[in-house]
PDB file of N, CA and C in Angstrom:
ATOM      1  N   UNK A   1     135.096  -7.965 101.591  1.00  0.00           N
ATOM      2  CA  UNK A   1     133.952  -8.581 102.230  1.00  0.00           C
ATOM      3  C   UNK A   1     134.250 -10.033 102.609  1.00  0.00           C
ATOM      4  N   UNK A   2     134.792 -10.803 101.678  1.00  0.00           N
ATOM      5  CA  UNK A   2     135.104 -12.197 101.972  1.00  0.00           C
ATOM      6  C   UNK A   2     136.236 -12.302 103.000  1.00  0.00           C
ATOM      7  N   UNK A   3     137.140 -11.327 103.007  1.00  0.00           N
ATOM      8  CA  UNK A   3     138.210 -11.319 104.010  1.00  0.00           C
ATOM      9  C   UNK A   3     137.631 -11.099 105.405  1.00  0.00           C
ATOM     10  N   UNK A   4     136.611 -10.257 105.515  1.00  0.00           N
ATOM     11  CA  UNK A   4     135.960 -10.009 106.796  1.00  0.00           C
ATOM     12  C   UNK A   4     135.240 -11.254 107.309  1.00  0.00           C
ATOM     13  N   UNK A   5     134.544 -11.961 106.422  1.00  0.00           N
ATOM     14  CA  UNK A   5     133.846 -13.202 106.815  1.00  0.00           C
ATOM     15  C   UNK A   5     134.854 -14.257 107.220  1.00  0.00           C
ATOM     16  N   UNK A   6     135.952 -14.378 106.449  1.00  0.00           N
ATOM     17  CA  UNK A   6     137.001 -15.343 106.782  1.00  0.00           C
ATOM     18  C   UNK A   6     137.605 -15.018 108.142  1.00  0.00           C
ATOM     19  N   UNK A   7     137.837 -13.750 108.393  1.00  0.00           N
ATOM     20  CA  UNK A   7     138.417 -13.331 109.675  1.00  0.00           C
ATOM     21  C   UNK A   7     137.461 -13.613 110.829  1.00  0.00           C
ATOM     22  N   UNK A   8     136.179 -13.361 110.657  1.00  0.00           N
ATOM     23  CA  UNK A   8     135.188 -13.628 111.708  1.00  0.00           C
ATOM     24  C   UNK A   8     135.102 -15.126 111.989  1.00  0.00           C
ATOM     25  N   UNK A   9     135.078 -15.950 110.945  1.00  0.00           N
ATOM     26  CA  UNK A   9     135.002 -17.409 111.134  1.00  0.00           C
ATOM     27  C   UNK A   9     136.272 -17.920 111.820  1.00  0.00           C
ATOM     28  N   UNK A  10     137.417 -17.418 111.392  1.00  0.00           N
ATOM     29  CA  UNK A  10     138.684 -17.855 111.987  1.00  0.00           C
ATOM     30  C   UNK A  10     138.764 -17.458 113.457  1.00  0.00           C
ATOM     31  N   UNK A  11     138.411 -16.228 113.772  1.00  0.00           N
ATOM     32  CA  UNK A  11     138.466 -15.777 115.167  1.00  0.00           C
ATOM     33  C   UNK A  11     137.437 -16.501 116.030  1.00  0.00           C
ATOM     34  N   UNK A  12     136.254 -16.787 115.463  1.00  0.00           N
ATOM     35  CA  UNK A  12     135.240 -17.537 116.207  1.00  0.00           C
ATOM     36  C   UNK A  12     135.725 -18.955 116.502  1.00  0.00           C
ATOM     37  N   UNK A  13     136.371 -19.558 115.514  1.00  0.00           N
ATOM     38  CA  UNK A  13     136.929 -20.902 115.714  1.00  0.00           C
ATOM     39  C   UNK A  13     138.009 -20.911 116.777  1.00  0.00           C
ATOM     40  N   UNK A  14     138.893 -19.918 116.727  1.00  0.00           N
ATOM     41  CA  UNK A  14     139.950 -19.834 117.734  1.00  0.00           C
ATOM     42  C   UNK A  14     139.375 -19.602 119.129  1.00  0.00           C
ATOM     43  N   UNK A  15     138.337 -18.768 119.211  1.00  0.00           N
ATOM     44  CA  UNK A  15     137.686 -18.519 120.504  1.00  0.00           C
ATOM     45  C   UNK A  15     137.074 -19.809 121.051  1.00  0.00           C
ATOM     46  N   UNK A  16     136.402 -20.572 120.166  1.00  0.00           N
ATOM     47  CA  UNK A  16     135.789 -21.838 120.595  1.00  0.00           C
ATOM     48  C   UNK A  16     136.853 -22.809 121.072  1.00  0.00           C
ATOM     49  N   UNK A  17     137.954 -22.921 120.343  1.00  0.00           N
ATOM     50  CA  UNK A  17     139.033 -23.830 120.757  1.00  0.00           C
ATOM     51  C   UNK A  17     139.642 -23.410 122.088  1.00  0.00           C
ATOM     52  N   UNK A  18     139.812 -22.100 122.262  1.00  0.00           N
ATOM     53  CA  UNK A  18     140.380 -21.590 123.510  1.00  0.00           C
ATOM     54  C   UNK A  18     139.432 -21.846 124.682  1.00  0.00           C
ATOM     55  N   UNK A  19     138.144 -21.701 124.456  1.00  0.00           N
ATOM     56  CA  UNK A  19     137.160 -21.957 125.506  1.00  0.00           C
ATOM     57  C   UNK A  19     137.138 -23.434 125.887  1.00  0.00           C
ATOM     58  N   UNK A  20     137.178 -24.304 124.883  1.00  0.00           N
ATOM     59  CA  UNK A  20     137.191 -25.750 125.146  1.00  0.00           C
ATOM     60  C   UNK A  20     138.458 -26.130 125.913  1.00  0.00           C
ATOM     61  N   UNK A  21     139.593 -25.574 125.501  1.00  0.00           N
ATOM     62  CA  UNK A  21     140.852 -25.887 126.173  1.00  0.00           C
ATOM     63  C   UNK A  21     140.832 -25.403 127.624  1.00  0.00           C
ATOM     64  N   UNK A  22     140.323 -24.195 127.848  1.00  0.00           N
ATOM     65  CA  UNK A  22     140.237 -23.671 129.214  1.00  0.00           C
ATOM     66  C   UNK A  22     139.323 -24.503 130.087  1.00  0.00           C
ATOM     67  N   UNK A  23     138.212 -24.976 129.524  1.00  0.00           N
ATOM     68  CA  UNK A  23     137.289 -25.821 130.285  1.00  0.00           C
ATOM     69  C   UNK A  23     137.938 -27.151 130.650  1.00  0.00           C
ATOM     70  N   UNK A  24     138.639 -27.751 129.703  1.00  0.00           N
ATOM     71  CA  UNK A  24     139.279 -29.040 129.994  1.00  0.00           C
ATOM     72  C   UNK A  24     140.400 -28.874 131.023  1.00  0.00           C
ATOM     73  N   UNK A  25     141.135 -27.759 130.958  1.00  0.00           N
ATOM     74  CA  UNK A  25     142.181 -27.525 131.959  1.00  0.00           C
ATOM     75  C   UNK A  25     141.585 -27.321 133.345  1.00  0.00           C
ATOM     76  N   UNK A  26     140.464 -26.625 133.418  1.00  0.00           N
ATOM     77  CA  UNK A  26     139.789 -26.416 134.704  1.00  0.00           C
ATOM     78  C   UNK A  26     139.317 -27.748 135.278  1.00  0.00           C
ATOM     79  N   UNK A  27     138.754 -28.620 134.408  1.00  0.00           N
ATOM     80  CA  UNK A  27     138.304 -29.938 134.849  1.00  0.00           C
ATOM     81  C   UNK A  27     139.481 -30.750 135.381  1.00  0.00           C
ATOM     82  N   UNK A  28     140.599 -30.744 134.649  1.00  0.00           N
ATOM     83  CA  UNK A  28     141.776 -31.488 135.103  1.00  0.00           C
ATOM     84  C   UNK A  28     142.313 -30.921 136.418  1.00  0.00           C
ATOM     85  N   UNK A  29     142.294 -29.599 136.550  1.00  0.00           N
ATOM     86  CA  UNK A  29     142.765 -28.974 137.784  1.00  0.00           C
ATOM     87  C   UNK A  29     141.921 -29.417 138.970  1.00  0.00           C
ATOM     88  N   UNK A  30     140.596 -29.431 138.811  1.00  0.00           N
ATOM     89  CA  UNK A  30     139.716 -29.872 139.902  1.00  0.00           C
ATOM     90  C   UNK A  30     139.925 -31.344 140.223  1.00  0.00           C
ATOM     91  N   UNK A  31     140.142 -32.148 139.190  1.00  0.00           N
ATOM     92  CA  UNK A  31     140.388 -33.583 139.394  1.00  0.00           C
ATOM     93  C   UNK A  31     141.679 -33.797 140.186  1.00  0.00           C
ATOM     94  N   UNK A  32     142.740 -33.095 139.778  1.00  0.00           N
ATOM     95  CA  UNK A  32     144.016 -33.240 140.478  1.00  0.00           C
ATOM     96  C   UNK A  32     143.959 -32.676 141.886  1.00  0.00           C
ATOM     97  N   UNK A  33     143.192 -31.625 142.075  1.00  0.00           N
ATOM     98  CA  UNK A  33     143.031 -31.054 143.405  1.00  0.00           C
ATOM     99  C   UNK A  33     142.330 -32.050 144.334  1.00  0.00           C
ATOM    100  N   UNK A  34     141.323 -32.750 143.819  1.00  0.00           N
ATOM    101  CA  UNK A  34     140.627 -33.752 144.621  1.00  0.00           C
ATOM    102  C   UNK A  34     141.564 -34.913 144.959  1.00  0.00           C
ATOM    103  N   UNK A  35     142.342 -35.378 143.975  1.00  0.00           N
ATOM    104  CA  UNK A  35     143.302 -36.456 144.226  1.00  0.00           C
ATOM    105  C   UNK A  35     144.355 -36.019 145.248  1.00  0.00           C
ATOM    106  N   UNK A  36     144.768 -34.768 145.156  1.00  0.00           N
ATOM    107  CA  UNK A  36     145.759 -34.254 146.097  1.00  0.00           C
ATOM    108  C   UNK A  36     145.213 -34.254 147.522  1.00  0.00           C
ATOM    109  N   UNK A  37     143.945 -33.870 147.682  1.00  0.00           N
ATOM    110  CA  UNK A  37     143.362 -33.855 149.024  1.00  0.00           C
ATOM    111  C   UNK A  37     143.234 -35.273 149.578  1.00  0.00           C
ATOM    112  N   UNK A  38     142.889 -36.236 148.718  1.00  0.00           N
ATOM    113  CA  UNK A  38     142.795 -37.628 149.169  1.00  0.00           C
ATOM    114  C   UNK A  38     144.170 -38.145 149.579  1.00  0.00           C
ATOM    115  N   UNK A  39     145.174 -37.868 148.775  1.00  0.00           N
ATOM    116  CA  UNK A  39     146.530 -38.326 149.083  1.00  0.00           C
ATOM    117  C   UNK A  39     147.055 -37.640 150.348  1.00  0.00           C
ATOM    118  N   UNK A  40     146.735 -36.378 150.520  1.00  0.00           N
ATOM    119  CA  UNK A  40     147.161 -35.666 151.735  1.00  0.00           C
ATOM    120  C   UNK A  40     146.541 -36.289 152.979  1.00  0.00           C
ATOM    121  N   UNK A  41     145.267 -36.649 152.892  1.00  0.00           N
ATOM    122  CA  UNK A  41     144.596 -37.293 154.030  1.00  0.00           C
ATOM    123  C   UNK A  41     145.225 -38.648 154.328  1.00  0.00           C
ATOM    124  N   UNK A  42     145.522 -39.425 153.280  1.00  0.00           N
ATOM    125  CA  UNK A  42     146.186 -40.718 153.475  1.00  0.00           C
ATOM    126  C   UNK A  42     147.566 -40.519 154.099  1.00  0.00           C
ATOM    127  N   UNK A  43     148.261 -39.479 153.680  1.00  0.00           N
ATOM    128  CA  UNK A  43     149.581 -39.189 154.230  1.00  0.00           C
ATOM    129  C   UNK A  43     149.494 -38.881 155.718  1.00  0.00           C
ATOM    130  N   UNK A  44     148.481 -38.099 156.117  1.00  0.00           N
ATOM    131  CA  UNK A  44     148.298 -37.800 157.544  1.00  0.00           C
ATOM    132  C   UNK A  44     148.024 -39.075 158.335  1.00  0.00           C
ATOM    133  N   UNK A  45     147.163 -39.947 157.785  1.00  0.00           N
ATOM    134  CA  UNK A  45     146.849 -41.203 158.473  1.00  0.00           C
ATOM    135  C   UNK A  45     148.089 -42.085 158.604  1.00  0.00           C
ATOM    136  N   UNK A  46     148.883 -42.147 157.549  1.00  0.00           N
ATOM    137  CA  UNK A  46     150.106 -42.943 157.615  1.00  0.00           C
ATOM    138  C   UNK A  46     151.105 -42.372 158.608  1.00  0.00           C
ATOM    139  N   UNK A  47     151.172 -41.057 158.687  1.00  0.00           N
ATOM    140  CA  UNK A  47     152.085 -40.432 159.656  1.00  0.00           C
ATOM    141  C   UNK A  47     151.670 -40.771 161.083  1.00  0.00           C
ATOM    142  N   UNK A  48     150.367 -40.743 161.354  1.00  0.00           N
ATOM    143  CA  UNK A  48     149.876 -41.088 162.687  1.00  0.00           C
ATOM    144  C   UNK A  48     150.165 -42.555 162.993  1.00  0.00           C
ATOM    145  N   UNK A  49     149.886 -43.425 162.022  1.00  0.00           N
ATOM    146  CA  UNK A  49     150.131 -44.858 162.239  1.00  0.00           C
ATOM    147  C   UNK A  49     151.613 -45.142 162.453  1.00  0.00           C
ATOM    148  N   UNK A  50     152.470 -44.492 161.678  1.00  0.00           N
ATOM    149  CA  UNK A  50     153.904 -44.748 161.843  1.00  0.00           C
ATOM    150  C   UNK A  50     154.401 -44.256 163.197  1.00  0.00           C
ATOM    151  N   UNK A  51     153.870 -43.121 163.647  1.00  0.00           N
ATOM    152  CA  UNK A  51     154.293 -42.636 164.970  1.00  0.00           C
ATOM    153  C   UNK A  51     153.802 -43.570 166.072  1.00  0.00           C
ATOM    154  N   UNK A  52     152.604 -44.148 165.888  1.00  0.00           N
ATOM    155  CA  UNK A  52     152.103 -45.102 166.878  1.00  0.00           C
ATOM    156  C   UNK A  52     152.955 -46.362 166.885  1.00  0.00           C
ATOM    157  N   UNK A  53     153.328 -46.840 165.706  1.00  0.00           N
ATOM    158  CA  UNK A  53     154.155 -48.049 165.625  1.00  0.00           C
ATOM    159  C   UNK A  53     155.514 -47.793 166.262  1.00  0.00           C
ATOM    160  N   UNK A  54     156.095 -46.640 165.952  1.00  0.00           N
ATOM    161  CA  UNK A  54     157.405 -46.311 166.520  1.00  0.00           C
ATOM    162  C   UNK A  54     157.312 -46.195 168.028  1.00  0.00           C
ATOM    163  N   UNK A  55     156.248 -45.559 168.529  1.00  0.00           N
ATOM    164  CA  UNK A  55     156.130 -45.399 169.978  1.00  0.00           C
ATOM    165  C   UNK A  55     155.872 -46.751 170.650  1.00  0.00           C
ATOM    166  N   UNK A  56     155.100 -47.635 170.011  1.00  0.00           N
ATOM    167  CA  UNK A  56     154.872 -48.960 170.590  1.00  0.00           C
ATOM    168  C   UNK A  56     156.160 -49.775 170.598  1.00  0.00           C
ATOM    169  N   UNK A  57     156.972 -49.648 169.550  1.00  0.00           N
ATOM    170  CA  UNK A  57     158.257 -50.337 169.540  1.00  0.00           C
ATOM    171  C   UNK A  57     159.154 -49.808 170.653  1.00  0.00           C
ATOM    172  N   UNK A  58     159.143 -48.500 170.848  1.00  0.00           N
ATOM    173  CA  UNK A  58     159.962 -47.916 171.913  1.00  0.00           C
ATOM    174  C   UNK A  58     159.492 -48.391 173.273  1.00  0.00           C
ATOM    175  N   UNK A  59     158.191 -48.439 173.491  1.00  0.00           N
ATOM    176  CA  UNK A  59     157.653 -48.897 174.771  1.00  0.00           C
ATOM    177  C   UNK A  59     158.037 -50.354 174.998  1.00  0.00           C
ATOM    178  N   UNK A  60     157.903 -51.155 173.951  1.00  0.00           N
ATOM    179  CA  UNK A  60     158.265 -52.569 174.081  1.00  0.00           C
ATOM    180  C   UNK A  60     159.740 -52.725 174.417  1.00  0.00           C
ATOM    181  N   UNK A  61     160.582 -51.980 173.723  1.00  0.00           N
ATOM    182  CA  UNK A  61     162.026 -52.061 174.003  1.00  0.00           C
ATOM    183  C   UNK A  61     162.357 -51.559 175.402  1.00  0.00           C
ATOM    184  N   UNK A  62     161.746 -50.457 175.811  1.00  0.00           N
ATOM    185  CA  UNK A  62     161.998 -49.940 177.160  1.00  0.00           C
ATOM    186  C   UNK A  62     161.524 -50.925 178.220  1.00  0.00           C
ATOM    187  N   UNK A  63     160.389 -51.555 177.978  1.00  0.00           N
ATOM    188  CA  UNK A  63     159.878 -52.541 178.928  1.00  0.00           C
ATOM    189  C   UNK A  63     160.821 -53.730 179.025  1.00  0.00           C
ATOM    190  N   UNK A  64     161.293 -54.202 177.873  1.00  0.00           N
ATOM    191  CA  UNK A  64     162.230 -55.320 177.876  1.00  0.00           C
ATOM    192  C   UNK A  64     163.520 -54.960 178.611  1.00  0.00           C
ATOM    193  N   UNK A  65     164.040 -53.771 178.344  1.00  0.00           N
ATOM    194  CA  UNK A  65     165.292 -53.350 178.978  1.00  0.00           C
ATOM    195  C   UNK A  65     165.131 -53.174 180.486  1.00  0.00           C
ATOM    196  N   UNK A  66     164.019 -52.558 180.909  1.00  0.00           N
ATOM    197  CA  UNK A  66     163.834 -52.318 182.335  1.00  0.00           C
ATOM    198  C   UNK A  66     163.574 -53.621 183.082  1.00  0.00           C
ATOM    199  N   UNK A  67     162.871 -54.540 182.452  1.00  0.00           N
ATOM    200  CA  UNK A  67     162.603 -55.822 183.117  1.00  0.00           C
ATOM    201  C   UNK A  67     163.867 -56.657 183.221  1.00  0.00           C
ATOM    202  N   UNK A  68     164.685 -56.627 182.184  1.00  0.00           N
ATOM    203  CA  UNK A  68     165.930 -57.395 182.240  1.00  0.00           C
ATOM    204  C   UNK A  68     166.893 -56.781 183.248  1.00  0.00           C
ATOM    205  N   UNK A  69     166.908 -55.463 183.332  1.00  0.00           N
ATOM    206  CA  UNK A  69     167.784 -54.788 184.290  1.00  0.00           C
ATOM    207  C   UNK A  69     167.369 -55.052 185.725  1.00  0.00           C
ATOM    208  N   UNK A  70     166.072 -55.235 185.955  1.00  0.00           N
ATOM    209  CA  UNK A  70     165.572 -55.477 187.304  1.00  0.00           C
ATOM    210  C   UNK A  70     165.538 -56.972 187.623  1.00  0.00           C
ATOM    211  N   UNK A  71     165.896 -57.791 186.657  1.00  0.00           N
ATOM    212  CA  UNK A  71     165.881 -59.228 186.891  1.00  0.00           C
ATOM    213  C   UNK A  71     164.492 -59.835 186.736  1.00  0.00           C
ATOM    214  N   UNK A  72     163.574 -59.126 186.112  1.00  0.00           N
ATOM    215  CA  UNK A  72     162.221 -59.628 185.911  1.00  0.00           C
ATOM    216  C   UNK A  72     162.097 -60.278 184.539  1.00  0.00           C
ATOM    217  N   UNK A  73     161.267 -61.301 184.470  1.00  0.00           N
ATOM    218  CA  UNK A  73     160.983 -61.911 183.170  1.00  0.00           C
ATOM    219  C   UNK A  73     159.471 -62.051 183.032  1.00  0.00           C
ATOM    220  N   UNK A  74     158.997 -61.865 181.843  1.00  0.00           N
ATOM    221  CA  UNK A  74     157.576 -62.013 181.564  1.00  0.00           C
ATOM    222  C   UNK A  74     157.376 -63.177 180.621  1.00  0.00           C
ATOM    223  N   UNK A  75     156.240 -63.833 180.791  1.00  0.00           N
ATOM    224  CA  UNK A  75     155.891 -64.938 179.903  1.00  0.00           C
ATOM    225  C   UNK A  75     154.712 -64.531 179.036  1.00  0.00           C
ATOM    226  N   UNK A  76     154.693 -65.075 177.841  1.00  0.00           N
ATOM    227  CA  UNK A  76     153.598 -64.785 176.929  1.00  0.00           C
ATOM    228  C   UNK A  76     152.372 -65.579 177.370  1.00  0.00           C
ATOM    229  N   UNK A  77     151.227 -64.917 177.392  1.00  0.00           N
ATOM    230  CA  UNK A  77     149.978 -65.546 177.826  1.00  0.00           C
ATOM    231  C   UNK A  77     149.361 -66.277 176.650  1.00  0.00           C
ATOM    232  N   UNK A  78     149.046 -67.543 176.856  1.00  0.00           N
ATOM    233  CA  UNK A  78     148.420 -68.331 175.796  1.00  0.00           C
ATOM    234  C   UNK A  78     146.911 -68.365 175.937  1.00  0.00           C
ATOM    235  N   UNK A  79     146.432 -68.492 177.166  1.00  0.00           N
ATOM    236  CA  UNK A  79     145.001 -68.582 177.383  1.00  0.00           C
ATOM    237  C   UNK A  79     144.642 -67.806 178.648  1.00  0.00           C
ATOM    238  N   UNK A  80     143.533 -67.089 178.594  1.00  0.00           N
ATOM    239  CA  UNK A  80     143.097 -66.279 179.725  1.00  0.00           C
ATOM    240  C   UNK A  80     141.923 -66.976 180.394  1.00  0.00           C
ATOM    241  N   UNK A  81     141.981 -67.077 181.729  1.00  0.00           N
ATOM    242  CA  UNK A  81     140.890 -67.677 182.507  1.00  0.00           C
ATOM    243  C   UNK A  81     140.268 -66.578 183.365  1.00  0.00           C
ATOM    244  N   UNK A  82     138.965 -66.422 183.249  1.00  0.00           N
ATOM    245  CA  UNK A  82     138.256 -65.399 184.013  1.00  0.00           C
ATOM    246  C   UNK A  82     137.564 -66.031 185.218  1.00  0.00           C
ATOM    247  N   UNK A  83     137.479 -65.286 186.297  1.00  0.00           N
ATOM    248  CA  UNK A  83     136.776 -65.744 187.492  1.00  0.00           C
ATOM    249  C   UNK A  83     135.297 -65.465 187.283  1.00  0.00           C
ATOM    250  N   UNK A  84     134.486 -66.505 187.410  1.00  0.00           N
ATOM    251  CA  UNK A  84     133.043 -66.356 187.221  1.00  0.00           C
ATOM    252  C   UNK A  84     132.346 -66.413 188.574  1.00  0.00           C
ATOM    253  N   UNK A  85     131.519 -65.425 188.860  1.00  0.00           N
ATOM    254  CA  UNK A  85     130.792 -65.460 190.144  1.00  0.00           C
ATOM    255  C   UNK A  85     129.689 -66.523 190.093  1.00  0.00           C
ATOM    256  N   UNK A  86     129.354 -67.033 191.277  1.00  0.00           N
ATOM    257  CA  UNK A  86     128.274 -67.999 191.339  1.00  0.00           C
ATOM    258  C   UNK A  86     126.944 -67.285 191.128  1.00  0.00           C
ATOM    259  N   UNK A  87     126.049 -67.931 190.454  1.00  0.00           N
ATOM    260  CA  UNK A  87     124.768 -67.303 190.130  1.00  0.00           C
ATOM    261  C   UNK A  87     123.847 -67.176 191.340  1.00  0.00           C
ATOM    262  N   UNK A  88     124.110 -67.945 192.381  1.00  0.00           N
ATOM    263  CA  UNK A  88     123.218 -67.941 193.546  1.00  0.00           C
ATOM    264  C   UNK A  88     123.558 -66.800 194.506  1.00  0.00           C
ATOM    265  N   UNK A  89     124.673 -66.146 194.340  1.00  0.00           N
ATOM    266  CA  UNK A  89     125.050 -65.076 195.246  1.00  0.00           C
ATOM    267  C   UNK A  89     124.414 -63.769 194.791  1.00  0.00           C
ATOM    268  N   UNK A  90     123.885 -63.012 195.755  1.00  0.00           N
ATOM    269  CA  UNK A  90     123.288 -61.709 195.483  1.00  0.00           C
ATOM    270  C   UNK A  90     123.940 -60.676 196.355  1.00  0.00           C
ATOM    271  N   UNK A  91     123.960 -59.476 195.892  1.00  0.00           N
ATOM    272  CA  UNK A  91     124.544 -58.375 196.652  1.00  0.00           C
ATOM    273  C   UNK A  91     123.377 -57.583 197.249  1.00  0.00           C
ATOM    274  N   UNK A  92     123.473 -57.308 198.537  1.00  0.00           N
ATOM    275  CA  UNK A  92     122.417 -56.543 199.181  1.00  0.00           C
ATOM    276  C   UNK A  92     123.036 -55.533 200.136  1.00  0.00           C
ATOM    277  N   UNK A  93     122.247 -54.515 200.469  1.00  0.00           N
ATOM    278  CA  UNK A  93     122.738 -53.488 201.393  1.00  0.00           C
ATOM    279  C   UNK A  93     122.286 -53.781 202.794  1.00  0.00           C
TER     280      UNK A  93
END
């Protein structure tokens, strides 16, 4: 009789421990899955940004090479001046 009670208590304890362990593993799995999705999204964004940077560098280099080959030179713009229309002029049909 006491062996049966001991066996029931022991098996119940093992079942409880196994259930707790399974729950904690499931929680960790969901946590890591969420982190993985965030990191994957960041990776996609970085891949797009790096391809844009590489393509802009290529465009800049191609522009420099083609302008030098054609004998053209460009100057860096320091200040932009816009043409402002006079306020007294009106457009009519």
